Amino acid sequence: MLQVSPASSLRLFARLLVTLAALSALGLAGATPPAGHAGANGRNTERSVGEWLLRMHEASRRRSYVGTFVVSSYAGALSSARIWHACEGDVQMERVESLSGAPRAIFRRNDEVMTFLPEQKVARSERRESAGLFPNLLTGTESSIPEFYGARTVGTDRVAGHDADVVELAPKDNLRYGYRIWSERKSGLVVKLQTLDTEGNVLEQAAFSELQLDAPVRMDRLAQMMASTDGYRVEKSDVAKTTALAEGWTLKTPVAGFKSMSCYKRPASDNAMQWIFSDGLASVSLFVEPYDRQRHTQEGLFAAVGATQTLTHRVQDWWVTAVGEVPPSTLKAFATSLERRR
């Protein structure tokens, strides 16, 4: 079975890492005026969604930093991690060390990921098209973000000793959550993120508690650490890239704004499949595996961990687990629209 919701301290931490690392995949075109820029009429104008995200993208792509994250959910879950981020040309590299829960270290060099589990003496090697929970953000003219989200500035603040502008990305429908984002004023680097439900309540928050910008992070040193697997059993991912159509699946009715991003299967697990969708910010994964009467007993069960919702659904002889940082009704729309074609 595919792992859909690992109960690790890094799962919540990933929400802000997503904004820092996955927004670096966003290539929205357009100019990036400074904060409070003046329009043609001499008055201050608001940035568009694209301009805000582009500014964050440029900051995460060009800046090296070291910092400590603290992440919490409305239910009281709390986790923290230390991150080292380096960039050199088109190469992005990170080291993430969990500070709570089971010891874990994650290294990422572009799409290469190595996860070290010291207690198990296991190092898991895999390739990911994007880091975090926003899978491979839509780019350029393909992006539908401005169609489904609006941006507005809501003030200024200080986070981890840095002055920050605060912007809200508000959804234009009830199919997705909103975001309140703090970006460091000079660079645009995201230093705090809140995920908001449809009523504007905070579901999950991630923020730097300490941050050193332009830190002397050596990429060659991170690369050495990533390659140091002596004493560890290296496990390589058996995930194979495929398409939903090739696996015999389709959506009867598309969910507004969400586009298919990628699809994978695990040959060693009865060809269990993961189909990933994104609207450019939010993501949804459909995990499909053969139905097992002994294990699959709670159809329709919703479970929430921070901003992440889970729904299970049976389709003929198959079991579908829908997971995403979206309202439950959105997961239901995906699950009930999934159709077996062969």
Foldseek 3Di string as FASTA:
>chain_A
DDDDDDPFLCQQQLVLVCLLFVLLLAAEDDDADAPQDADPVRGGDWDWPSNLSVLQNQLSQPWWKWFKKWKAFPVGDIWMWIKTWDHDVRWIWMWIFTPDGFTKIWIDIQQWIWIARVVQLAIETEGANTDGQAHSFDYYPRACLSVFWTKDWDAWDDAQRAIWTWMKTCTPDQWFWIKIFTARRPRSHTFKMFTAHPVRDTGMIMGTNHMDMRDPDDPVVSVVVRPPSVSGHYHYAQKDWDDQVVVQKDFQDDDPQKDWDTKIFRPVQQRWMWTWIHSRNKIKIKTKDFDDCVPPDDAQDWDDDRQKIWGWHDDVRMIIIMIISTDPVNSVSRRVRMHGRD
